Protein backbone atom coordinates (compact mmCIF):
# COMPACT_ATOMS: atom_id res chain seq x y z
CA MET A 1 47.12 51.33 17.61
CA SER A 2 46.12 54.54 15.84
CA ASN A 3 48.19 57.73 15.56
CA ASN A 4 44.85 59.47 15.28
CA THR A 5 45.64 63.05 14.29
CA SER A 6 42.05 63.76 13.19
CA PRO A 7 39.73 63.42 16.20
CA VAL A 8 36.33 62.38 14.96
CA SER A 9 33.16 64.36 15.46
CA MET A 10 30.09 62.41 16.51
CA GLU A 11 28.29 63.56 13.34
CA LYS A 12 30.99 62.07 11.11
CA LEU A 13 31.09 58.87 13.12
CA VAL A 14 27.32 58.33 13.13
CA SER A 15 27.18 58.98 9.37
CA LEU A 16 30.00 56.55 8.56
CA CYS A 17 28.59 53.87 10.88
CA LYS A 18 25.27 54.04 9.05
CA ARG A 19 26.77 54.14 5.56
CA ARG A 20 29.14 51.23 6.12
CA GLY A 21 26.73 49.03 8.06
CA PHE A 22 28.15 49.29 11.56
CA ILE A 23 25.28 50.81 13.56
CA PHE A 24 21.97 52.41 12.63
CA GLN A 25 18.75 53.34 14.39
CA SER A 26 16.30 50.56 15.16
CA SER A 27 13.04 50.54 13.13
CA GLU A 28 14.31 53.40 11.02
CA ILE A 29 11.74 52.95 8.23
CA TYR A 30 9.08 53.80 10.81
CA GLY A 31 10.94 56.85 12.08
CA GLY A 32 13.11 54.99 14.56
CA ILE A 33 12.73 54.63 18.31
CA GLN A 34 14.94 56.65 20.62
CA GLY A 35 17.52 54.79 22.63
CA PHE A 36 17.53 51.60 20.55
CA TRP A 37 20.18 50.72 17.95
CA ASP A 38 20.74 47.90 15.45
CA TYR A 39 24.19 46.59 14.54
CA GLY A 40 24.76 45.80 10.88
CA PRO A 41 27.18 43.24 9.40
CA TYR A 42 30.41 45.01 10.35
CA GLY A 43 29.10 46.25 13.69
CA THR A 44 27.98 42.74 14.59
CA ALA A 45 31.37 41.30 13.69
CA LEU A 46 33.10 43.96 15.81
CA ARG A 47 30.80 43.28 18.78
CA LYS A 48 31.30 39.51 18.57
CA ALA A 49 35.06 39.94 18.40
CA ILE A 50 35.07 42.14 21.53
CA GLU A 51 32.76 39.74 23.37
CA GLN A 52 35.02 36.80 22.59
CA LEU A 53 38.14 38.78 23.54
CA TRP A 54 36.64 39.78 26.91
CA TRP A 55 35.36 36.24 27.53
CA SER A 56 38.70 34.69 26.67
CA TYR A 57 40.61 37.18 28.85
CA THR A 58 38.21 37.04 31.79
CA VAL A 59 36.96 33.43 31.81
CA GLU A 60 38.75 31.02 29.49
CA ALA A 61 42.27 32.09 30.45
CA ARG A 62 41.58 31.55 34.17
CA SER A 63 40.77 28.57 36.36
CA ASN A 64 39.00 30.67 39.00
CA VAL A 65 36.24 32.28 36.90
CA GLU A 66 33.15 30.41 35.64
CA GLY A 67 30.57 31.36 33.03
CA LEU A 68 26.81 31.91 33.30
CA ASP A 69 24.03 32.77 30.84
CA SER A 70 20.90 33.78 32.74
CA THR A 71 17.44 34.84 31.58
CA VAL A 72 16.47 38.43 30.82
CA ILE A 73 13.36 38.09 33.01
CA CYS A 74 13.91 37.06 36.64
CA HIS A 75 11.43 36.54 39.46
CA PRO A 76 10.18 40.00 40.53
CA LYS A 77 11.44 39.36 44.07
CA VAL A 78 15.00 39.48 42.73
CA TRP A 79 14.53 43.20 42.02
CA LYS A 80 12.78 43.78 45.33
CA ALA A 81 15.74 42.26 47.16
CA SER A 82 18.28 44.26 45.13
CA GLY A 83 16.49 47.54 45.83
CA HIS A 84 15.66 48.28 42.20
CA LEU A 85 11.90 48.38 42.74
CA ASP A 86 12.04 50.76 45.69
CA LYS A 87 14.79 53.10 44.60
CA PHE A 88 16.28 52.89 41.12
CA GLY A 89 15.63 56.03 39.17
CA ASP A 90 16.53 59.56 38.18
CA MET A 91 15.22 62.81 39.62
CA MET A 92 13.33 64.52 36.79
CA THR A 93 11.73 67.91 36.27
CA ASP A 94 9.36 69.13 33.53
CA CYS A 95 9.31 72.57 31.94
CA ARG A 96 5.75 73.92 31.87
CA GLU A 97 6.63 76.31 29.04
CA CYS A 98 8.23 74.05 26.37
CA LYS A 99 7.05 70.72 27.84
CA SER A 100 10.59 69.27 27.83
CA ARG A 101 11.75 66.88 30.56
CA HIS A 102 15.22 66.95 32.11
CA ARG A 103 17.33 64.98 34.55
CA VAL A 104 18.09 67.31 37.44
CA ASP A 105 21.66 66.07 37.84
CA GLN A 106 22.41 67.00 34.20
CA MET A 107 21.10 70.56 34.41
CA GLU A 108 23.62 73.38 34.76
CA ASP A 109 21.03 75.31 36.79
CA PRO A 110 18.35 73.07 38.36
CA GLU A 111 15.96 76.02 38.44
CA THR A 112 16.29 76.93 34.74
CA CYS A 113 15.12 74.95 31.71
CA PRO A 114 18.19 74.32 29.49
CA ASN A 115 15.90 74.22 26.45
CA CYS A 116 14.00 77.53 26.72
CA GLU A 117 15.47 79.11 29.90
CA SER A 118 12.09 79.22 31.60
CA LYS A 119 11.98 79.19 35.39
CA ASP A 120 8.54 77.56 35.42
CA LEU A 121 9.57 73.99 36.31
CA THR A 122 7.78 71.23 38.18
CA GLU A 123 9.09 69.95 41.48
CA PRO A 124 11.76 67.23 40.92
CA ARG A 125 10.36 63.71 41.23
CA GLU A 126 11.86 60.24 40.82
CA PHE A 127 11.22 58.11 37.74
CA ASN A 128 11.93 54.40 38.11
CA LEU A 129 14.16 53.06 35.33
CA MET A 130 12.93 49.46 35.43
CA MET A 131 11.16 48.24 32.27
CA LYS A 132 7.91 46.50 33.18
CA THR A 133 6.28 43.60 31.34
CA PHE A 134 3.79 40.82 32.13
CA VAL A 135 4.21 37.05 32.26
CA GLY A 136 1.17 34.95 31.42
CA PRO A 137 -2.18 35.69 29.77
CA VAL A 138 -3.44 38.30 32.26
CA PHE A 139 -2.06 41.83 32.35
CA ASP A 140 -2.51 42.65 36.02
CA GLU A 141 -0.28 43.34 39.02
CA ASP A 142 -0.13 39.65 39.94
CA HIS A 143 1.62 38.91 36.64
CA VAL A 144 4.07 41.84 36.55
CA ALA A 145 7.70 41.10 35.72
CA TYR A 146 10.68 43.25 34.80
CA LEU A 147 13.39 43.14 32.17
CA ARG A 148 16.65 42.94 34.07
CA ALA A 149 18.30 46.27 34.77
CA GLU A 150 21.72 44.67 35.23
CA THR A 151 23.23 41.25 34.67
CA CYS A 152 24.86 40.91 38.09
CA GLN A 153 21.77 40.06 40.16
CA PRO A 154 21.18 36.62 38.54
CA ILE A 155 24.83 35.85 39.29
CA PHE A 156 24.22 36.38 43.01
CA VAL A 157 21.02 34.32 42.87
CA ASP A 158 22.79 31.43 41.10
CA PHE A 159 25.94 31.54 43.26
CA HIS A 160 25.50 28.20 45.03
CA GLN A 161 24.38 26.31 41.93
CA VAL A 162 27.38 27.49 39.90
CA ARG A 163 29.80 26.87 42.77
CA ILE A 164 28.60 23.30 43.31
CA ALA A 165 28.43 22.42 39.60
CA ALA A 166 31.94 23.78 38.94
CA ARG A 167 33.35 22.44 42.26
CA GLN A 168 34.79 25.87 43.06
CA LYS A 169 36.03 27.18 46.38
CA LEU A 170 36.38 30.80 47.47
CA PRO A 171 37.87 32.89 46.00
CA PHE A 172 36.35 32.52 42.52
CA GLY A 173 34.31 34.55 40.04
CA ILE A 174 31.20 34.15 37.91
CA ALA A 175 30.95 36.07 34.63
CA GLN A 176 28.29 36.61 32.02
CA ILE A 177 27.55 38.67 28.92
CA GLY A 178 23.97 39.68 28.35
CA LYS A 179 21.30 42.26 27.61
CA ALA A 180 20.10 44.75 30.20
CA PHE A 181 17.33 47.34 29.95
CA ARG A 182 16.78 50.73 31.53
CA ASN A 183 13.94 53.11 30.76
CA GLU A 184 16.28 56.05 30.26
CA ILE A 185 14.41 59.35 30.17
CA ASN A 186 17.02 61.01 27.98
CA PRO A 187 19.05 58.57 25.81
CA ARG A 188 21.91 60.44 24.16
CA ASN A 189 25.38 60.45 22.60
CA PHE A 190 24.69 57.71 20.02
CA THR A 191 25.07 54.31 21.70
CA PHE A 192 26.68 55.66 24.88
CA ARG A 193 23.38 55.87 26.78
CA SER A 194 20.69 53.56 25.42
CA ARG A 195 17.59 51.83 26.72
CA GLU A 196 18.77 48.38 25.61
CA PHE A 197 22.44 47.51 25.99
CA THR A 198 24.83 44.64 26.63
CA GLN A 199 26.86 44.23 29.79
CA MET A 200 29.95 42.13 30.37
CA GLU A 201 30.15 41.56 34.11
CA MET A 202 32.17 39.47 36.52
CA GLU A 203 31.38 39.04 40.21
CA PHE A 204 34.35 37.79 42.22
CA PHE A 205 33.42 36.08 45.48
CA CYS A 206 36.05 36.16 48.22
CA PHE A 207 36.68 36.43 51.96
CA GLU A 208 36.27 39.87 53.50
CA GLU A 209 39.84 39.98 54.82
CA ASP A 210 41.23 39.49 51.29
CA SER A 211 38.69 41.66 49.47
CA MET A 212 40.73 44.87 49.05
CA THR A 213 43.64 42.86 47.68
CA TRP A 214 41.30 41.38 45.07
CA TYR A 215 39.80 44.82 44.40
CA ASP A 216 43.27 46.19 43.56
CA TYR A 217 44.06 43.08 41.51
CA TRP A 218 40.98 43.40 39.32
CA LYS A 219 41.42 47.15 38.91
CA ASN A 220 44.92 46.54 37.52
CA GLU A 221 43.76 43.62 35.38
CA ARG A 222 41.06 45.72 33.77
CA LEU A 223 43.41 48.61 33.05
CA ASN A 224 45.93 46.22 31.51
CA TYR A 225 43.14 44.84 29.31
CA TYR A 226 42.45 48.28 27.85
CA TYR A 227 46.11 49.16 27.39
CA ASP A 228 47.58 45.84 26.25
CA ILE A 229 44.65 44.16 24.49
CA LEU A 230 42.55 47.00 23.06
CA GLY A 231 45.45 49.39 22.55
CA PHE A 232 44.14 52.50 24.32
CA THR A 233 46.71 55.02 25.58
CA LYS A 234 47.06 56.56 29.02
CA GLU A 235 45.97 59.90 27.52
CA GLN A 236 42.66 58.35 26.43
CA LEU A 237 41.80 56.68 29.74
CA ARG A 238 41.54 57.90 33.30
CA THR A 239 40.29 56.47 36.56
CA HIS A 240 37.78 58.22 38.76
CA ASP A 241 37.41 57.08 42.37
CA HIS A 242 33.91 57.58 43.73
CA ASP A 243 33.75 60.32 46.36
CA THR A 244 30.40 59.07 47.66
CA LEU A 245 29.96 55.33 48.19
CA ALA A 246 26.90 53.20 48.71
CA HIS A 247 26.40 52.29 52.37
CA TYR A 248 27.55 48.72 51.74
CA ALA A 249 30.64 49.53 49.60
CA LYS A 250 34.26 49.92 50.61
CA ALA A 251 35.58 51.26 47.29
CA ALA A 252 34.49 52.01 43.73
CA VAL A 253 36.34 53.32 40.69
CA ASP A 254 35.28 54.10 37.12
CA ILE A 255 37.51 53.64 34.09
CA GLU A 256 36.65 56.53 31.75
CA PHE A 257 37.39 57.12 28.06
CA LYS A 258 37.75 60.51 26.40
CA PHE A 259 34.90 60.51 23.88
CA PRO A 260 34.32 63.41 21.45
CA PHE A 261 31.55 64.61 23.78
CA GLY A 262 33.77 64.39 26.87
CA TRP A 263 34.88 61.85 29.45
CA GLY A 264 32.48 58.94 29.87
CA GLU A 265 32.45 55.74 31.92
CA LEU A 266 33.51 52.52 30.20
CA GLU A 267 33.68 50.27 33.21
CA GLY A 268 33.14 50.23 36.94
CA ILE A 269 35.11 48.20 39.48
CA HIS A 270 33.19 47.98 42.76
CA HIS A 271 33.74 46.51 46.18
CA ARG A 272 30.12 45.52 46.93
CA GLY A 273 30.76 43.94 50.31
CA THR A 274 28.30 41.28 51.44
CA TRP A 275 25.20 43.39 50.79
CA ASP A 276 23.88 41.65 47.65
CA MET A 277 24.29 38.15 49.01
CA SER A 278 22.80 39.14 52.37
CA GLN A 279 19.79 40.77 50.70
CA HIS A 280 19.02 37.71 48.59
CA GLN A 281 19.45 35.42 51.60
CA GLU A 282 17.00 37.54 53.60
CA HIS A 283 14.35 37.87 50.87
CA SER A 284 14.52 34.31 49.53
CA GLY A 285 14.84 32.53 52.86
CA GLU A 286 17.63 30.39 51.38
CA ASN A 287 20.98 29.97 53.12
CA LEU A 288 23.60 31.57 50.88
CA GLU A 289 26.47 31.18 53.33
CA TYR A 290 29.72 29.54 52.28
CA PHE A 291 31.39 27.01 54.57
CA ASP A 292 35.11 27.68 54.83
CA GLN A 293 36.50 24.20 55.51
CA GLU A 294 40.02 25.42 56.23
CA ASN A 295 38.93 27.76 59.06
CA LYS A 296 35.75 25.87 59.99
CA ARG A 297 33.44 28.87 59.66
CA LYS A 298 30.41 30.02 57.72
CA VAL A 299 30.60 33.33 55.87
CA ILE A 300 28.56 35.42 53.47
CA PRO A 301 30.92 35.93 50.49
CA THR A 302 32.23 39.43 49.85
CA VAL A 303 31.92 40.54 46.23
CA VAL A 304 34.26 42.53 43.98
CA GLU A 305 32.62 43.44 40.69
CA THR A 306 33.91 44.41 37.26
CA SER A 307 31.16 45.73 34.99
CA VAL A 308 31.78 46.96 31.44
CA GLY A 309 29.36 48.08 28.75
CA LEU A 310 29.90 46.27 25.45
CA ASP A 311 28.20 49.04 23.46
CA ARG A 312 30.39 51.67 25.10
CA THR A 313 33.50 49.61 24.36
CA VAL A 314 32.46 49.41 20.70
CA LEU A 315 31.85 53.16 20.64
CA ALA A 316 35.22 53.88 22.25
CA LEU A 317 36.98 51.66 19.69
CA LEU A 318 35.14 53.39 16.83
CA CYS A 319 36.12 56.83 18.16
CA ASN A 320 39.72 55.80 18.74
CA ALA A 321 40.10 54.01 15.40
CA TYR A 322 38.62 56.72 13.16
CA ASP A 323 41.24 58.64 11.21
CA GLU A 324 41.59 60.83 8.15
CA ASP A 325 44.92 61.12 6.37
CA MET A 326 46.58 61.80 3.07
CA ALA A 327 47.31 58.32 1.81
CA ASP A 328 50.69 57.90 0.15
CA THR A 329 49.11 56.19 -2.83
CA GLN A 330 52.32 56.52 -4.81
CA LYS A 331 52.95 53.10 -3.37
CA GLU A 332 49.83 52.08 -5.27
CA GLY A 333 50.82 53.88 -8.47
CA LYS A 334 48.83 57.07 -7.82
CA ALA A 335 49.25 60.52 -6.36
CA GLN A 336 48.35 61.27 -2.74
CA GLU A 337 44.68 61.44 -1.88
CA ALA A 338 42.53 61.87 1.22
CA ARG A 339 41.16 58.75 2.83
CA VAL A 340 39.03 57.80 5.84
CA VAL A 341 40.26 54.80 7.76
CA PHE A 342 39.29 52.82 10.86
CA ARG A 343 42.55 51.71 12.50
CA PHE A 344 41.11 48.86 14.57
CA PRO A 345 43.52 46.47 16.29
CA ALA A 346 43.68 43.45 13.99
CA ILE A 347 42.41 41.13 16.73
CA VAL A 348 38.99 42.85 16.79
CA ALA A 349 38.69 44.19 13.22
CA PRO A 350 35.33 43.17 11.66
CA VAL A 351 37.21 42.00 8.58
CA GLN A 352 40.79 40.96 9.25
CA ILE A 353 41.74 40.02 5.68
CA ALA A 354 40.19 41.04 2.37
CA VAL A 355 41.08 38.98 -0.68
CA LEU A 356 40.97 41.04 -3.90
CA PRO A 357 41.43 39.45 -7.33
CA LEU A 358 43.00 41.97 -9.69
CA SER A 359 40.57 40.87 -12.40
CA LYS A 360 37.24 39.05 -12.29
CA LYS A 361 38.91 36.41 -14.48
CA LEU A 362 40.97 35.47 -11.41
CA SER A 363 37.97 35.11 -9.11
CA THR A 364 37.90 31.32 -8.92
CA SER A 365 41.55 30.99 -7.88
CA ALA A 366 41.38 34.00 -5.55
CA GLU A 367 38.24 32.76 -3.85
CA LYS A 368 39.96 29.48 -3.03
CA VAL A 369 42.65 31.48 -1.19
CA CYS A 370 39.92 33.39 0.65
CA ASN A 371 38.07 30.23 1.66
CA ASP A 372 41.27 28.69 3.02
CA LEU A 373 41.98 31.78 5.14
CA ARG A 374 38.37 32.01 6.27
CA LYS A 375 38.87 28.87 8.37
CA TYR A 376 41.14 30.85 10.69
CA PHE A 377 40.39 34.55 10.23
CA ARG A 378 37.47 36.91 9.49
CA CYS A 379 37.72 37.33 5.72
CA GLU A 380 35.90 39.09 2.92
CA PHE A 381 36.06 38.48 -0.82
CA ASP A 382 35.85 41.80 -2.72
CA VAL A 383 35.77 41.83 -6.52
CA THR A 384 33.68 44.93 -7.33
CA GLY A 385 35.33 48.12 -8.64
CA SER A 386 38.90 49.15 -9.33
CA ILE A 387 41.61 47.93 -6.97
CA GLY A 388 42.03 51.48 -5.65
CA LYS A 389 38.35 51.80 -4.78
CA ARG A 390 38.42 48.43 -3.09
CA TYR A 391 41.40 49.50 -0.98
CA ARG A 392 39.49 52.62 0.12
CA ARG A 393 36.39 50.60 0.92
CA GLN A 394 38.41 48.20 3.07
CA ASP A 395 40.16 51.16 4.77
CA GLU A 396 36.77 52.57 5.74
CA ILE A 397 35.65 49.37 7.43
CA GLY A 398 39.02 48.95 9.13
CA THR A 399 40.45 45.89 7.35
CA PRO A 400 44.14 45.68 8.37
CA TYR A 401 45.31 43.49 5.47
CA CYS A 402 44.35 43.21 1.81
CA VAL A 403 45.55 40.25 -0.24
CA THR A 404 45.74 40.95 -3.97
CA PHE A 405 45.66 37.96 -6.28
CA ASP A 406 47.09 38.98 -9.68
CA PHE A 407 47.96 37.23 -12.92
CA ASP A 408 51.49 36.47 -11.68
CA SER A 409 49.92 34.54 -8.78
CA LEU A 410 48.92 31.81 -11.22
CA ASP A 411 52.60 31.22 -11.99
CA ASP A 412 54.51 32.01 -8.80
CA ASN A 413 51.84 30.88 -6.28
CA ALA A 414 52.30 34.16 -4.39
CA VAL A 415 50.11 37.16 -3.55
CA THR A 416 50.67 40.79 -2.58
CA ILE A 417 49.75 41.79 0.97
CA ARG A 418 48.95 45.45 1.58
CA ASP A 419 49.12 46.86 5.13
CA ARG A 420 46.28 49.28 6.00
CA ASP A 421 48.35 51.57 8.22
CA THR A 422 51.72 51.71 6.46
CA MET A 423 50.33 50.96 2.99
CA GLU A 424 53.50 48.92 2.43
CA GLN A 425 53.16 45.91 0.14
CA VAL A 426 54.99 42.59 0.37
CA ARG A 427 54.93 39.49 -1.80
CA ILE A 428 54.20 36.27 0.13
CA SER A 429 53.82 32.68 -0.95
CA ILE A 430 50.25 31.44 -0.68
CA ASP A 431 51.55 28.46 1.28
CA GLU A 432 52.91 30.84 3.96
CA LEU A 433 49.81 33.00 4.40
CA ARG A 434 48.48 31.17 7.43
CA SER A 435 51.68 31.50 9.46
CA TYR A 436 52.19 35.09 8.26
CA PHE A 437 48.76 36.22 9.48
CA ASP A 438 49.00 34.17 12.67
CA LYS A 439 51.93 36.39 13.69
CA LYS A 440 50.35 39.62 12.45
CA ILE A 441 46.83 39.15 13.83
CA ILE A 442 47.06 36.76 16.75
CA GLY A 443 50.62 37.58 17.72
């Protein structure tokens, strides 16, 4: 991936993301709303590419994982059974002097306000993170509902229906990508901690006696995904085993990325035992046992979970891909100059190929080349400005390959391909572009 010698500051990253249409604050013309972010054209393309990559790797490439797309609002009893209504929150304290509110676990000194250093703090109290809404025409307690705080609970609730429809036997998994909501008291670090976010989760249902083997399997699979597919290095990732486990868990590990603001969790792999399925069986009154025909027994499935934040993955890729260098533009007929570049892996780049006619007179022929490539790759047609400025613009949005259509192209049916990272240029026949980029982008 990147030989990033210029670690990005969050200020630079946030500014570039806004300027180039990756990510910007929601409702900005009204002053914005904290903890909510909109993804622009390039950010949306990057998100969709990561979603599809995760889905392909986790679901489509396997015969033992099925897909699900559940609703954002579930029956309120789902959250009662999962424990979210009774205990899902942060311990908070308020400063009586400056009126600021802080999470106790994030304070260096729980008795001192980090904002004004006052000792006059309220007693810590728990704030529930569930986002409440109402279903129906009457806004009263009988019509209360909640936006889901995590995407895994509907998977447990729908276990039997998915299993029967897909004719699956244990062990198998159910995966989904979807929105989740948490009423964070202190959203921070750009999109790292938000109130609305997207999760990519897979719950793997298995027999208890095999569960630790599957736990180790999925831990290794997820690490390989980050190293082999997304191109992170071992210096950028670390694993953190939980010292304190939930009463129902046997093991839990976080995969963390080194962000500019420090190490932060990308993904959690959890051995959840039988607790979730048992809770939903108890509260719903439905039998959620699985009949093991081979051993003639009924069991509550044990669950191993992989849970990754899409927004955090996007942020990690943005941080890792950002670079500043002195471009050897002598290859482009100029002296060296500074440039900002996103070195995304080609498989997830928002724009994989930019087609650039050397002159507007060549637009019709060049656009035909672009339209042909667009059937297979994410392409952009860029005709505005000098060729040098267009190269820089494509560098800033992370386009790995630029295709220049010049006047010679009309005669030799060939174009010049410029590599974002090496800045090397090669002449390729238009008829060979598809196979050339298949090898470069898809591998």
